[in-house]
Amino acid sequence: MVTLELASSGCVVVKSQVVDYQHRGVKLEDYSVLDFFVDTYETELTKADRQAELFNEDVYRGPGRPRNPCARYLTGHPKSGTVHRVIRSRAPQPPQFPWQVVSTK
C-alpha cells in the first residue's frame, strides 16, 4: 500500500509500508511483517541520535526510564538518513493500518 502525505515543508511525501519492511534495519531482520508494525514505530532522527550513533553509545536523556532501542533503515530506504524505527518496550496497542476503520463507540 502506498500513502501520500503532506510534509510540514509543504512537499508531498510517498510512504510505503512494503518499502519500510523491505529496508528494515539489521536489528529488525528477524521480525515478521506483523511484529515489525506492532512492535516498532517510526520517528525522526534527532541531532543527539546522530551523534550517539557516531560514537556507538546511548543518548543520555536525563532522569526517567531508559531510552528504547532503535534501528536505522538500510541505505536503500528513501528516508534512511532522516528517520529510524523505535522498538517498543511495553505491550503495544493494536496496529493502526490505513485501511482500518476506527470505531467511535
N, C-alpha and C. Protein backbone atom coordinates (compact mmCIF):
# COMPACT_ATOMS: atom_id res chain seq x y z
N MET A 1 0.84 -1.18 0.00
CA MET A 1 0.00 0.00 0.00
C MET A 1 0.89 1.24 0.00
N VAL A 2 0.51 2.20 -0.80
CA VAL A 2 1.25 3.46 -0.89
C VAL A 2 0.34 4.58 -0.38
N THR A 3 0.89 5.44 0.45
CA THR A 3 0.14 6.56 1.01
C THR A 3 0.87 7.85 0.66
N LEU A 4 0.12 8.86 0.29
CA LEU A 4 0.69 10.19 0.06
C LEU A 4 0.43 11.02 1.30
N GLU A 5 1.46 11.73 1.74
CA GLU A 5 1.37 12.53 2.96
C GLU A 5 1.95 13.91 2.70
N LEU A 6 1.34 14.94 3.28
CA LEU A 6 1.85 16.29 3.14
C LEU A 6 2.81 16.57 4.29
N ALA A 7 4.07 16.80 3.98
CA ALA A 7 5.08 17.07 4.99
C ALA A 7 4.94 18.49 5.51
N SER A 8 5.56 18.76 6.65
CA SER A 8 5.49 20.11 7.24
C SER A 8 6.12 21.16 6.33
N SER A 9 7.01 20.73 5.44
CA SER A 9 7.64 21.65 4.50
C SER A 9 6.73 22.00 3.32
N GLY A 10 5.58 21.32 3.22
CA GLY A 10 4.64 21.57 2.13
C GLY A 10 4.82 20.62 0.96
N CYS A 11 5.80 19.72 1.03
CA CYS A 11 6.05 18.76 -0.04
C CYS A 11 5.21 17.50 0.16
N VAL A 12 4.84 16.86 -0.93
CA VAL A 12 4.13 15.59 -0.87
C VAL A 12 5.16 14.47 -0.74
N VAL A 13 4.95 13.60 0.25
CA VAL A 13 5.87 12.51 0.53
C VAL A 13 5.14 11.19 0.29
N VAL A 14 5.80 10.26 -0.40
CA VAL A 14 5.24 8.94 -0.64
C VAL A 14 5.68 8.03 0.49
N LYS A 15 4.71 7.35 1.12
CA LYS A 15 5.03 6.40 2.19
C LYS A 15 4.56 5.02 1.75
N SER A 16 5.37 4.01 1.99
CA SER A 16 5.03 2.64 1.62
C SER A 16 5.46 1.70 2.72
N GLN A 17 4.51 0.97 3.29
CA GLN A 17 4.83 0.02 4.34
C GLN A 17 5.65 -1.15 3.79
N VAL A 18 5.46 -1.47 2.52
CA VAL A 18 6.25 -2.54 1.90
C VAL A 18 7.73 -2.13 1.86
N VAL A 19 7.99 -0.90 1.44
CA VAL A 19 9.38 -0.39 1.40
C VAL A 19 9.95 -0.33 2.81
N ASP A 20 9.15 0.12 3.78
CA ASP A 20 9.62 0.17 5.17
C ASP A 20 10.07 -1.21 5.63
N TYR A 21 9.27 -2.22 5.36
CA TYR A 21 9.61 -3.58 5.81
C TYR A 21 10.80 -4.15 5.03
N GLN A 22 10.83 -3.92 3.74
CA GLN A 22 11.94 -4.44 2.92
C GLN A 22 13.28 -3.87 3.36
N HIS A 23 13.30 -2.62 3.77
CA HIS A 23 14.56 -1.95 4.13
C HIS A 23 14.72 -1.79 5.64
N ARG A 24 14.08 -2.67 6.41
CA ARG A 24 14.22 -2.59 7.87
C ARG A 24 15.68 -2.86 8.24
N GLY A 25 16.09 -2.33 9.34
CA GLY A 25 17.48 -2.44 9.76
C GLY A 25 17.87 -3.84 10.20
N VAL A 26 19.15 -4.03 10.42
CA VAL A 26 19.71 -5.32 10.80
C VAL A 26 19.10 -5.81 12.12
N LYS A 27 18.88 -4.90 13.07
CA LYS A 27 18.29 -5.29 14.36
C LYS A 27 16.89 -5.87 14.21
N LEU A 28 16.22 -5.54 13.09
CA LEU A 28 14.84 -5.97 12.89
C LEU A 28 14.69 -7.07 11.85
N GLU A 29 15.79 -7.65 11.40
CA GLU A 29 15.70 -8.62 10.30
C GLU A 29 14.95 -9.89 10.69
N ASP A 30 14.85 -10.22 11.98
CA ASP A 30 14.11 -11.41 12.41
C ASP A 30 12.63 -11.13 12.68
N TYR A 31 12.20 -9.89 12.52
CA TYR A 31 10.80 -9.52 12.77
C TYR A 31 9.92 -9.93 11.59
N SER A 32 8.76 -10.50 11.90
CA SER A 32 7.77 -10.76 10.85
C SER A 32 7.13 -9.43 10.46
N VAL A 33 6.34 -9.43 9.41
CA VAL A 33 5.66 -8.20 8.99
C VAL A 33 4.79 -7.67 10.12
N LEU A 34 4.01 -8.53 10.73
CA LEU A 34 3.12 -8.09 11.80
C LEU A 34 3.91 -7.57 12.99
N ASP A 35 4.94 -8.31 13.41
CA ASP A 35 5.78 -7.85 14.54
C ASP A 35 6.43 -6.51 14.24
N PHE A 36 6.86 -6.32 13.00
CA PHE A 36 7.51 -5.08 12.61
C PHE A 36 6.60 -3.88 12.85
N PHE A 37 5.34 -3.99 12.43
CA PHE A 37 4.43 -2.85 12.56
C PHE A 37 3.80 -2.74 13.94
N VAL A 38 3.69 -3.85 14.67
CA VAL A 38 3.10 -3.81 16.01
C VAL A 38 4.15 -3.38 17.04
N ASP A 39 5.36 -3.91 16.93
CA ASP A 39 6.37 -3.73 17.96
C ASP A 39 7.34 -2.58 17.72
N THR A 40 7.20 -1.86 16.60
CA THR A 40 8.08 -0.72 16.34
C THR A 40 7.25 0.45 15.81
N TYR A 41 7.83 1.62 15.89
CA TYR A 41 7.22 2.80 15.27
C TYR A 41 8.32 3.69 14.73
N GLU A 42 7.96 4.53 13.78
CA GLU A 42 8.92 5.39 13.10
C GLU A 42 8.95 6.77 13.75
N THR A 43 10.16 7.31 13.89
CA THR A 43 10.31 8.66 14.42
C THR A 43 11.52 9.31 13.75
N GLU A 44 11.55 10.62 13.77
CA GLU A 44 12.65 11.36 13.14
C GLU A 44 13.92 11.23 13.96
N LEU A 45 15.05 11.21 13.27
CA LEU A 45 16.35 11.21 13.93
C LEU A 45 16.64 12.62 14.45
N THR A 46 17.08 12.71 15.69
CA THR A 46 17.47 14.00 16.23
C THR A 46 18.99 14.15 16.10
N LYS A 47 19.47 15.34 16.35
CA LYS A 47 20.91 15.58 16.30
C LYS A 47 21.62 14.70 17.34
N ALA A 48 21.02 14.57 18.51
CA ALA A 48 21.60 13.74 19.57
C ALA A 48 21.65 12.26 19.14
N ASP A 49 20.61 11.79 18.44
CA ASP A 49 20.61 10.41 17.93
C ASP A 49 21.77 10.19 16.97
N ARG A 50 21.97 11.14 16.08
CA ARG A 50 23.05 11.00 15.08
C ARG A 50 24.42 11.00 15.75
N GLN A 51 24.62 11.89 16.73
CA GLN A 51 25.90 11.95 17.43
C GLN A 51 26.16 10.67 18.23
N ALA A 52 25.15 10.15 18.89
CA ALA A 52 25.30 8.92 19.66
C ALA A 52 25.64 7.76 18.74
N GLU A 53 25.06 7.75 17.57
CA GLU A 53 25.33 6.68 16.61
C GLU A 53 26.78 6.73 16.13
N LEU A 54 27.32 7.94 15.93
CA LEU A 54 28.71 8.08 15.51
C LEU A 54 29.68 7.47 16.52
N PHE A 55 29.36 7.64 17.80
CA PHE A 55 30.23 7.15 18.86
C PHE A 55 29.77 5.81 19.43
N ASN A 56 28.74 5.22 18.79
CA ASN A 56 28.22 3.91 19.19
C ASN A 56 27.86 3.89 20.68
N GLU A 57 27.10 4.88 21.11
CA GLU A 57 26.70 4.95 22.50
C GLU A 57 25.24 5.37 22.60
N ASP A 58 24.66 5.17 23.76
CA ASP A 58 23.28 5.54 24.00
C ASP A 58 23.22 7.03 24.37
N VAL A 59 22.12 7.67 24.06
CA VAL A 59 21.95 9.08 24.37
C VAL A 59 21.39 9.21 25.78
N TYR A 60 22.06 10.00 26.62
CA TYR A 60 21.55 10.26 27.96
C TYR A 60 20.48 11.33 27.86
N ARG A 61 19.29 11.02 28.33
CA ARG A 61 18.18 11.96 28.22
C ARG A 61 17.72 12.47 29.58
N GLY A 62 18.54 12.29 30.61
CA GLY A 62 18.17 12.77 31.94
C GLY A 62 17.45 11.70 32.74
N PRO A 63 16.87 12.09 33.87
CA PRO A 63 16.19 11.12 34.72
C PRO A 63 14.96 10.53 34.02
N GLY A 64 14.57 9.37 34.46
CA GLY A 64 13.40 8.72 33.87
C GLY A 64 13.75 7.34 33.35
N ARG A 65 12.83 6.78 32.60
CA ARG A 65 13.05 5.43 32.10
C ARG A 65 14.13 5.44 31.02
N PRO A 66 14.79 4.31 30.81
CA PRO A 66 15.82 4.23 29.78
C PRO A 66 15.24 4.39 28.37
N ARG A 67 16.06 4.82 27.49
CA ARG A 67 15.67 5.02 26.09
C ARG A 67 15.40 3.67 25.43
N ASN A 68 14.38 3.60 24.59
CA ASN A 68 14.09 2.38 23.84
C ASN A 68 15.14 2.17 22.76
N PRO A 69 15.48 0.91 22.45
CA PRO A 69 16.42 0.66 21.36
C PRO A 69 15.84 1.09 20.02
N CYS A 70 16.71 1.51 19.13
CA CYS A 70 16.29 1.99 17.80
C CYS A 70 17.02 1.21 16.71
N ALA A 71 16.43 1.20 15.53
CA ALA A 71 17.05 0.54 14.38
C ALA A 71 16.92 1.46 13.17
N ARG A 72 18.03 1.72 12.50
CA ARG A 72 18.03 2.54 11.29
C ARG A 72 17.56 1.71 10.11
N TYR A 73 16.93 2.37 9.15
CA TYR A 73 16.60 1.72 7.88
C TYR A 73 17.90 1.48 7.12
N LEU A 74 17.87 0.50 6.22
CA LEU A 74 19.02 0.27 5.34
C LEU A 74 19.14 1.43 4.36
N THR A 75 20.30 1.60 3.75
CA THR A 75 20.56 2.76 2.90
C THR A 75 19.65 2.84 1.67
N GLY A 76 19.03 1.76 1.25
CA GLY A 76 18.12 1.81 0.10
C GLY A 76 16.78 2.45 0.39
N HIS A 77 16.47 2.69 1.65
CA HIS A 77 15.19 3.30 2.03
C HIS A 77 15.24 4.80 1.74
N PRO A 78 14.16 5.36 1.18
CA PRO A 78 14.17 6.79 0.83
C PRO A 78 14.39 7.74 2.01
N LYS A 79 14.06 7.31 3.23
CA LYS A 79 14.22 8.18 4.40
C LYS A 79 15.26 7.64 5.38
N SER A 80 16.21 6.86 4.89
CA SER A 80 17.18 6.23 5.78
C SER A 80 18.04 7.23 6.55
N GLY A 81 18.22 8.42 6.03
CA GLY A 81 19.03 9.42 6.71
C GLY A 81 18.26 10.33 7.63
N THR A 82 16.93 10.21 7.68
CA THR A 82 16.14 11.16 8.46
C THR A 82 15.25 10.52 9.51
N VAL A 83 14.95 9.23 9.40
CA VAL A 83 14.08 8.56 10.38
C VAL A 83 14.67 7.21 10.79
N HIS A 84 14.17 6.68 11.90
CA HIS A 84 14.53 5.33 12.32
C HIS A 84 13.32 4.69 13.00
N ARG A 85 13.41 3.40 13.28
CA ARG A 85 12.33 2.67 13.96
C ARG A 85 12.70 2.53 15.43
N VAL A 86 11.75 2.79 16.31
CA VAL A 86 11.94 2.63 17.74
C VAL A 86 11.24 1.33 18.14
N ILE A 87 11.95 0.49 18.88
CA ILE A 87 11.39 -0.79 19.32
C ILE A 87 10.66 -0.57 20.63
N ARG A 88 9.38 -0.94 20.65
CA ARG A 88 8.55 -0.72 21.84
C ARG A 88 9.02 -1.61 22.99
N SER A 89 8.92 -1.10 24.22
CA SER A 89 9.34 -1.86 25.38
C SER A 89 8.17 -2.40 26.19
N ARG A 90 6.98 -1.98 25.89
CA ARG A 90 5.80 -2.43 26.65
C ARG A 90 4.82 -3.09 25.69
N ALA A 91 3.76 -3.66 26.26
CA ALA A 91 2.74 -4.29 25.43
C ALA A 91 2.11 -3.23 24.52
N PRO A 92 2.20 -3.40 23.21
CA PRO A 92 1.71 -2.37 22.28
C PRO A 92 0.19 -2.39 22.11
N GLN A 93 -0.31 -1.29 21.61
CA GLN A 93 -1.70 -1.21 21.19
C GLN A 93 -1.83 -1.95 19.86
N PRO A 94 -3.03 -2.34 19.46
CA PRO A 94 -3.17 -2.97 18.15
C PRO A 94 -2.67 -2.01 17.06
N PRO A 95 -2.09 -2.55 15.99
CA PRO A 95 -1.56 -1.69 14.93
C PRO A 95 -2.65 -0.89 14.25
N GLN A 96 -2.31 0.30 13.81
CA GLN A 96 -3.25 1.15 13.08
C GLN A 96 -2.84 1.18 11.63
N PHE A 97 -3.49 0.37 10.82
CA PHE A 97 -3.21 0.35 9.39
C PHE A 97 -4.14 1.33 8.70
N PRO A 98 -3.71 1.93 7.59
CA PRO A 98 -4.52 2.95 6.91
C PRO A 98 -5.90 2.48 6.50
N TRP A 99 -6.07 1.20 6.25
CA TRP A 99 -7.36 0.71 5.75
C TRP A 99 -8.32 0.33 6.90
N GLN A 100 -7.89 0.43 8.14
CA GLN A 100 -8.75 0.09 9.26
C GLN A 100 -9.73 1.22 9.55
N VAL A 101 -10.95 0.84 9.91
CA VAL A 101 -11.94 1.81 10.33
C VAL A 101 -12.00 1.77 11.85
N VAL A 102 -11.82 2.93 12.47
CA VAL A 102 -11.80 3.01 13.93
C VAL A 102 -13.21 3.23 14.43
N SER A 103 -13.64 2.40 15.34
CA SER A 103 -14.98 2.52 15.91
C SER A 103 -15.00 3.66 16.91
N THR A 104 -16.10 4.43 16.93
CA THR A 104 -16.22 5.56 17.86
C THR A 104 -17.22 5.26 18.97
N LYS A 105 -17.50 3.99 19.22
CA LYS A 105 -18.47 3.61 20.25
C LYS A 105 -17.89 3.79 21.62
